[in-house]
């Protein structure tokens, strides 16, 4: 979609034109759903968050600065609505300090090959407290201090949840690799290297919207 077409849609949405609202929703549905799925427990929950997010988008379009990228603005709203949903529906149950958590070295992974979508699915399997911190730190690019403020937790809890998220992801990577080795030989599909997956180098790009 070109910038001129997008601005026309935005103007129509500001005027409460239902066709423009439907077109804008359809154009950015996949992008917005991708963000919501990273934070939600399932697709049903992600859809609920997405609809709340688009409602907020439509209600605030008149405040959108058209000199800025619309996708970045919309993405920030979807992330914030996901965080608001998290805070409203979950009490932090994972509060161990980082010093109490045993370490698993990244070298324990070895050379592991996984499909990108498989790794994203693994992130969604994390407990929500771990997944939320992981997304904010590794994907959105926030610091532990910022995350602690956003989630009303202390910095040690943020670090602990990230550490545990990485542990669980490493375990899932190893399990997937072992399963793949049993029946995957000779299959023709594209892999990505996941050796540093938990450090987000080369797999989850920092698409942070600051």
C-alpha atoms as a PDB file:
ATOM      1  CA  UNK A   1       0.000   0.000   0.000  1.00  0.00           C
ATOM      2  CA  UNK A   2       1.398   3.385  -1.003  1.00  0.00           C
ATOM      3  CA  UNK A   3       1.706   6.295   1.378  1.00  0.00           C
ATOM      4  CA  UNK A   4      -0.955   8.297  -0.458  1.00  0.00           C
ATOM      5  CA  UNK A   5      -3.439   5.423  -0.281  1.00  0.00           C
ATOM      6  CA  UNK A   6      -2.648   4.902   3.392  1.00  0.00           C
ATOM      7  CA  UNK A   7      -3.191   8.560   4.230  1.00  0.00           C
ATOM      8  CA  UNK A   8      -6.515   8.496   2.393  1.00  0.00           C
ATOM      9  CA  UNK A   9      -7.563   5.475   4.430  1.00  0.00           C
ATOM     10  CA  UNK A  10      -6.513   7.184   7.641  1.00  0.00           C
ATOM     11  CA  UNK A  11      -8.498  10.292   6.739  1.00  0.00           C
ATOM     12  CA  UNK A  12     -11.516   8.122   6.015  1.00  0.00           C
ATOM     13  CA  UNK A  13     -11.154   6.307   9.339  1.00  0.00           C
ATOM     14  CA  UNK A  14     -10.961   9.627  11.193  1.00  0.00           C
ATOM     15  CA  UNK A  15     -14.304  10.484   9.555  1.00  0.00           C
ATOM     16  CA  UNK A  16     -15.693   7.157  10.840  1.00  0.00           C
ATOM     17  CA  UNK A  17     -15.981   5.704   7.325  1.00  0.00           C
ATOM     18  CA  UNK A  18     -16.695   1.999   7.898  1.00  0.00           C
ATOM     19  CA  UNK A  19     -15.246   0.939   4.554  1.00  0.00           C
ATOM     20  CA  UNK A  20     -11.965   2.696   5.325  1.00  0.00           C
ATOM     21  CA  UNK A  21     -11.857   1.156   8.784  1.00  0.00           C
ATOM     22  CA  UNK A  22     -12.419  -2.302   7.325  1.00  0.00           C
ATOM     23  CA  UNK A  23      -9.722  -1.736   4.686  1.00  0.00           C
ATOM     24  CA  UNK A  24      -7.193  -0.509   7.251  1.00  0.00           C
ATOM     25  CA  UNK A  25      -7.974  -3.447   9.534  1.00  0.00           C
ATOM     26  CA  UNK A  26      -7.551  -5.911   6.668  1.00  0.00           C
ATOM     27  CA  UNK A  27      -4.299  -4.315   5.471  1.00  0.00           C
ATOM     28  CA  UNK A  28      -2.572  -4.511   8.844  1.00  0.00           C
ATOM     29  CA  UNK A  29      -4.313  -7.538  10.367  1.00  0.00           C
ATOM     30  CA  UNK A  30      -1.395  -9.926   9.809  1.00  0.00           C
ATOM     31  CA  UNK A  31       1.189  -7.524  11.192  1.00  0.00           C
ATOM     32  CA  UNK A  32      -0.885  -6.711  14.276  1.00  0.00           C
ATOM     33  CA  UNK A  33      -1.850 -10.342  14.907  1.00  0.00           C
ATOM     34  CA  UNK A  34       1.820 -11.337  14.794  1.00  0.00           C
ATOM     35  CA  UNK A  35       2.540  -8.967  17.677  1.00  0.00           C
ATOM     36  CA  UNK A  36      -0.482 -10.063  19.713  1.00  0.00           C
ATOM     37  CA  UNK A  37       0.319 -13.755  19.247  1.00  0.00           C
ATOM     38  CA  UNK A  38       3.766 -13.262  20.753  1.00  0.00           C
ATOM     39  CA  UNK A  39       2.176 -12.139  24.018  1.00  0.00           C
ATOM     40  CA  UNK A  40      -1.083 -14.102  24.104  1.00  0.00           C
ATOM     41  CA  UNK A  41      -1.655 -17.626  25.393  1.00  0.00           C
ATOM     42  CA  UNK A  42      -3.599 -18.639  22.289  1.00  0.00           C
ATOM     43  CA  UNK A  43      -5.138 -17.303  19.101  1.00  0.00           C
ATOM     44  CA  UNK A  44      -8.500 -16.595  20.738  1.00  0.00           C
ATOM     45  CA  UNK A  45      -6.836 -14.392  23.331  1.00  0.00           C
ATOM     46  CA  UNK A  46      -4.680 -12.758  20.666  1.00  0.00           C
ATOM     47  CA  UNK A  47      -7.819 -11.918  18.665  1.00  0.00           C
ATOM     48  CA  UNK A  48      -9.361 -10.279  21.706  1.00  0.00           C
ATOM     49  CA  UNK A  49      -6.248  -8.189  22.272  1.00  0.00           C
ATOM     50  CA  UNK A  50      -6.034  -7.342  18.572  1.00  0.00           C
ATOM     51  CA  UNK A  51      -9.603  -6.048  18.493  1.00  0.00           C
ATOM     52  CA  UNK A  52      -8.938  -3.928  21.568  1.00  0.00           C
ATOM     53  CA  UNK A  53      -5.834  -2.623  19.863  1.00  0.00           C
ATOM     54  CA  UNK A  54      -7.613  -1.665  16.653  1.00  0.00           C
ATOM     55  CA  UNK A  55     -10.342   0.060  18.657  1.00  0.00           C
ATOM     56  CA  UNK A  56      -7.616   2.133  20.285  1.00  0.00           C
ATOM     57  CA  UNK A  57      -6.056   2.779  16.869  1.00  0.00           C
ATOM     58  CA  UNK A  58      -9.334   4.062  15.417  1.00  0.00           C
ATOM     59  CA  UNK A  59     -10.010   6.213  18.477  1.00  0.00           C
ATOM     60  CA  UNK A  60      -6.580   7.824  18.296  1.00  0.00           C
ATOM     61  CA  UNK A  61      -5.969   8.175  14.560  1.00  0.00           C
ATOM     62  CA  UNK A  62      -6.560  11.913  14.736  1.00  0.00           C
ATOM     63  CA  UNK A  63      -3.454  12.125  16.937  1.00  0.00           C
ATOM     64  CA  UNK A  64      -1.256  10.149  14.533  1.00  0.00           C
ATOM     65  CA  UNK A  65       1.720  12.092  13.192  1.00  0.00           C
ATOM     66  CA  UNK A  66       1.657  11.394   9.452  1.00  0.00           C
ATOM     67  CA  UNK A  67       5.381  12.187   9.195  1.00  0.00           C
ATOM     68  CA  UNK A  68       6.101   9.008  11.168  1.00  0.00           C
ATOM     69  CA  UNK A  69       5.773   5.382   9.953  1.00  0.00           C
ATOM     70  CA  UNK A  70       2.216   4.205  10.547  1.00  0.00           C
ATOM     71  CA  UNK A  71       3.293   0.602  11.058  1.00  0.00           C
ATOM     72  CA  UNK A  72       5.559   1.610  13.934  1.00  0.00           C
ATOM     73  CA  UNK A  73       2.776   3.608  15.564  1.00  0.00           C
ATOM     74  CA  UNK A  74       0.275   0.776  15.201  1.00  0.00           C
ATOM     75  CA  UNK A  75       2.805  -1.772  16.460  1.00  0.00           C
ATOM     76  CA  UNK A  76       3.463   0.267  19.581  1.00  0.00           C
ATOM     77  CA  UNK A  77      -0.259   0.376  20.309  1.00  0.00           C
ATOM     78  CA  UNK A  78      -0.630  -3.380  19.855  1.00  0.00           C
ATOM     79  CA  UNK A  79       2.308  -4.005  22.176  1.00  0.00           C
ATOM     80  CA  UNK A  80       0.913  -1.652  24.823  1.00  0.00           C
ATOM     81  CA  UNK A  81      -2.543  -3.220  24.651  1.00  0.00           C
ATOM     82  CA  UNK A  82      -0.938  -6.669  25.002  1.00  0.00           C
ATOM     83  CA  UNK A  83       0.924  -5.476  28.102  1.00  0.00           C
ATOM     84  CA  UNK A  84      -2.249  -3.931  29.540  1.00  0.00           C
ATOM     85  CA  UNK A  85      -4.073  -7.223  28.980  1.00  0.00           C
ATOM     86  CA  UNK A  86      -1.248  -9.095  30.683  1.00  0.00           C
ATOM     87  CA  UNK A  87      -1.297  -6.830  33.732  1.00  0.00           C
ATOM     88  CA  UNK A  88      -5.078  -7.042  34.020  1.00  0.00           C
ATOM     89  CA  UNK A  89      -5.282 -10.832  33.770  1.00  0.00           C
ATOM     90  CA  UNK A  90      -2.174 -12.264  35.368  1.00  0.00           C
ATOM     91  CA  UNK A  91      -0.451 -12.001  38.701  1.00  0.00           C
ATOM     92  CA  UNK A  92       3.303 -12.426  38.558  1.00  0.00           C
ATOM     93  CA  UNK A  93       3.951 -15.910  39.882  1.00  0.00           C
ATOM     94  CA  UNK A  94       7.628 -16.043  38.994  1.00  0.00           C
ATOM     95  CA  UNK A  95       9.610 -13.899  41.389  1.00  0.00           C
ATOM     96  CA  UNK A  96      12.904 -15.707  41.999  1.00  0.00           C
ATOM     97  CA  UNK A  97      15.943 -13.476  42.018  1.00  0.00           C
ATOM     98  CA  UNK A  98      18.374 -14.016  39.179  1.00  0.00           C
ATOM     99  CA  UNK A  99      21.097 -15.162  41.572  1.00  0.00           C
ATOM    100  CA  UNK A 100      19.038 -18.206  42.564  1.00  0.00           C
ATOM    101  CA  UNK A 101      18.661 -19.519  39.037  1.00  0.00           C
ATOM    102  CA  UNK A 102      21.202 -22.081  37.757  1.00  0.00           C
ATOM    103  CA  UNK A 103      22.905 -21.197  34.500  1.00  0.00           C
ATOM    104  CA  UNK A 104      22.817 -23.116  31.231  1.00  0.00           C
ATOM    105  CA  UNK A 105      25.510 -21.999  28.822  1.00  0.00           C
ATOM    106  CA  UNK A 106      24.575 -21.138  25.254  1.00  0.00           C
ATOM    107  CA  UNK A 107      27.333 -23.565  24.215  1.00  0.00           C
ATOM    108  CA  UNK A 108      25.133 -26.400  25.448  1.00  0.00           C
ATOM    109  CA  UNK A 109      23.016 -25.972  22.344  1.00  0.00           C
ATOM    110  CA  UNK A 110      25.557 -26.924  19.736  1.00  0.00           C
ATOM    111  CA  UNK A 111      24.579 -26.414  16.093  1.00  0.00           C
ATOM    112  CA  UNK A 112      20.809 -26.724  16.045  1.00  0.00           C
ATOM    113  CA  UNK A 113      18.605 -26.208  12.992  1.00  0.00           C
ATOM    114  CA  UNK A 114      15.021 -25.103  13.330  1.00  0.00           C
ATOM    115  CA  UNK A 115      12.417 -23.502  11.155  1.00  0.00           C
ATOM    116  CA  UNK A 116      11.756 -19.887  12.092  1.00  0.00           C
ATOM    117  CA  UNK A 117       8.071 -20.523  12.699  1.00  0.00           C
ATOM    118  CA  UNK A 118       8.946 -23.465  14.957  1.00  0.00           C
ATOM    119  CA  UNK A 119      10.996 -21.180  17.176  1.00  0.00           C
ATOM    120  CA  UNK A 120       8.194 -18.633  17.322  1.00  0.00           C
ATOM    121  CA  UNK A 121       5.835 -21.444  18.385  1.00  0.00           C
ATOM    122  CA  UNK A 122       8.268 -22.340  21.166  1.00  0.00           C
ATOM    123  CA  UNK A 123       8.172 -18.780  22.465  1.00  0.00           C
ATOM    124  CA  UNK A 124       4.390 -18.983  22.654  1.00  0.00           C
ATOM    125  CA  UNK A 125       4.675 -22.137  24.798  1.00  0.00           C
ATOM    126  CA  UNK A 126       6.510 -20.234  27.522  1.00  0.00           C
ATOM    127  CA  UNK A 127       4.581 -19.339  30.686  1.00  0.00           C
ATOM    128  CA  UNK A 128       3.118 -15.895  30.136  1.00  0.00           C
ATOM    129  CA  UNK A 129       5.291 -14.189  32.733  1.00  0.00           C
ATOM    130  CA  UNK A 130       8.432 -15.513  31.055  1.00  0.00           C
ATOM    131  CA  UNK A 131       7.116 -14.901  27.548  1.00  0.00           C
ATOM    132  CA  UNK A 132       6.193 -11.288  28.249  1.00  0.00           C
ATOM    133  CA  UNK A 133       9.603 -10.368  29.611  1.00  0.00           C
ATOM    134  CA  UNK A 134      11.307 -12.315  26.839  1.00  0.00           C
ATOM    135  CA  UNK A 135       9.358 -10.462  24.157  1.00  0.00           C
ATOM    136  CA  UNK A 136       9.975  -7.062  25.683  1.00  0.00           C
ATOM    137  CA  UNK A 137      13.691  -7.641  26.176  1.00  0.00           C
ATOM    138  CA  UNK A 138      14.747  -9.816  23.243  1.00  0.00           C
ATOM    139  CA  UNK A 139      12.357  -8.652  20.542  1.00  0.00           C
ATOM    140  CA  UNK A 140      11.199  -5.162  21.475  1.00  0.00           C
ATOM    141  CA  UNK A 141      14.592  -4.143  22.870  1.00  0.00           C
ATOM    142  CA  UNK A 142      13.580  -2.747  26.260  1.00  0.00           C
ATOM    143  CA  UNK A 143      15.957  -2.776  29.230  1.00  0.00           C
ATOM    144  CA  UNK A 144      15.203  -4.661  32.440  1.00  0.00           C
ATOM    145  CA  UNK A 145      14.660  -1.341  34.188  1.00  0.00           C
ATOM    146  CA  UNK A 146      12.058  -0.326  31.595  1.00  0.00           C
ATOM    147  CA  UNK A 147      10.389  -3.734  31.723  1.00  0.00           C
ATOM    148  CA  UNK A 148      10.209  -3.638  35.508  1.00  0.00           C
ATOM    149  CA  UNK A 149       8.453  -0.276  35.301  1.00  0.00           C
ATOM    150  CA  UNK A 150       6.061  -1.441  32.584  1.00  0.00           C
ATOM    151  CA  UNK A 151       5.052  -4.648  34.404  1.00  0.00           C
ATOM    152  CA  UNK A 152       5.212  -3.314  37.965  1.00  0.00           C
ATOM    153  CA  UNK A 153       7.878  -5.830  38.974  1.00  0.00           C
ATOM    154  CA  UNK A 154      11.423  -5.425  40.237  1.00  0.00           C
ATOM    155  CA  UNK A 155      14.483  -5.599  38.027  1.00  0.00           C
ATOM    156  CA  UNK A 156      15.606  -8.906  39.562  1.00  0.00           C
ATOM    157  CA  UNK A 157      12.283 -10.500  38.609  1.00  0.00           C
ATOM    158  CA  UNK A 158      12.626  -9.287  35.042  1.00  0.00           C
ATOM    159  CA  UNK A 159      16.132 -10.751  34.798  1.00  0.00           C
ATOM    160  CA  UNK A 160      15.006 -14.018  36.374  1.00  0.00           C
ATOM    161  CA  UNK A 161      12.050 -14.404  34.012  1.00  0.00           C
ATOM    162  CA  UNK A 162      14.257 -13.751  31.005  1.00  0.00           C
ATOM    163  CA  UNK A 163      16.822 -16.256  32.237  1.00  0.00           C
ATOM    164  CA  UNK A 164      14.188 -18.922  32.796  1.00  0.00           C
ATOM    165  CA  UNK A 165      12.603 -18.208  29.426  1.00  0.00           C
ATOM    166  CA  UNK A 166      15.974 -18.825  27.789  1.00  0.00           C
ATOM    167  CA  UNK A 167      16.421 -22.046  29.747  1.00  0.00           C
ATOM    168  CA  UNK A 168      13.052 -23.361  28.618  1.00  0.00           C
ATOM    169  CA  UNK A 169      13.686 -22.345  25.019  1.00  0.00           C
ATOM    170  CA  UNK A 170      17.046 -24.113  25.025  1.00  0.00           C
ATOM    171  CA  UNK A 171      15.395 -27.265  26.310  1.00  0.00           C
ATOM    172  CA  UNK A 172      12.753 -27.069  23.589  1.00  0.00           C
ATOM    173  CA  UNK A 173      15.398 -26.439  20.906  1.00  0.00           C
ATOM    174  CA  UNK A 174      17.351 -29.500  22.019  1.00  0.00           C
ATOM    175  CA  UNK A 175      14.217 -31.652  22.116  1.00  0.00           C
ATOM    176  CA  UNK A 176      13.139 -30.519  18.653  1.00  0.00           C
ATOM    177  CA  UNK A 177      16.600 -31.188  17.274  1.00  0.00           C
ATOM    178  CA  UNK A 178      16.679 -34.691  18.728  1.00  0.00           C
ATOM    179  CA  UNK A 179      13.264 -35.464  17.246  1.00  0.00           C
ATOM    180  CA  UNK A 180      14.269 -34.057  13.881  1.00  0.00           C
ATOM    181  CA  UNK A 181      17.408 -36.184  13.759  1.00  0.00           C
ATOM    182  CA  UNK A 182      15.271 -39.319  14.023  1.00  0.00           C
ATOM    183  CA  UNK A 183      13.218 -38.770  10.882  1.00  0.00           C
ATOM    184  CA  UNK A 184      14.342 -35.628   9.140  1.00  0.00           C
ATOM    185  CA  UNK A 185      17.250 -36.910   7.093  1.00  0.00           C
ATOM    186  CA  UNK A 186      16.995 -35.934   3.451  1.00  0.00           C
ATOM    187  CA  UNK A 187      13.962 -33.669   3.784  1.00  0.00           C
ATOM    188  CA  UNK A 188      14.118 -30.618   1.571  1.00  0.00           C
ATOM    189  CA  UNK A 189      13.175 -27.435   3.384  1.00  0.00           C
ATOM    190  CA  UNK A 190      14.920 -24.298   4.530  1.00  0.00           C
ATOM    191  CA  UNK A 191      16.426 -24.167   8.000  1.00  0.00           C
ATOM    192  CA  UNK A 192      17.817 -21.405  10.139  1.00  0.00           C
ATOM    193  CA  UNK A 193      20.727 -21.775  12.519  1.00  0.00           C
ATOM    194  CA  UNK A 194      19.544 -21.676  16.107  1.00  0.00           C
ATOM    195  CA  UNK A 195      22.802 -21.941  18.026  1.00  0.00           C
ATOM    196  CA  UNK A 196      22.417 -18.421  19.394  1.00  0.00           C
ATOM    197  CA  UNK A 197      18.645 -18.339  19.301  1.00  0.00           C
ATOM    198  CA  UNK A 198      18.270 -17.572  22.944  1.00  0.00           C
ATOM    199  CA  UNK A 199      20.530 -14.580  22.556  1.00  0.00           C
ATOM    200  CA  UNK A 200      18.446 -13.409  19.589  1.00  0.00           C
ATOM    201  CA  UNK A 201      21.438 -13.180  17.262  1.00  0.00           C
ATOM    202  CA  UNK A 202      20.386 -13.914  13.693  1.00  0.00           C
ATOM    203  CA  UNK A 203      16.894 -15.182  14.424  1.00  0.00           C
ATOM    204  CA  UNK A 204      14.683 -12.705  16.234  1.00  0.00           C
ATOM    205  CA  UNK A 205      15.702  -9.321  14.875  1.00  0.00           C
ATOM    206  CA  UNK A 206      15.296  -6.396  17.218  1.00  0.00           C
ATOM    207  CA  UNK A 207      12.173  -4.870  15.765  1.00  0.00           C
ATOM    208  CA  UNK A 208      11.778  -2.618  18.764  1.00  0.00           C
ATOM    209  CA  UNK A 209       9.516   0.429  18.492  1.00  0.00           C
ATOM    210  CA  UNK A 210      10.822   2.968  20.936  1.00  0.00           C
END
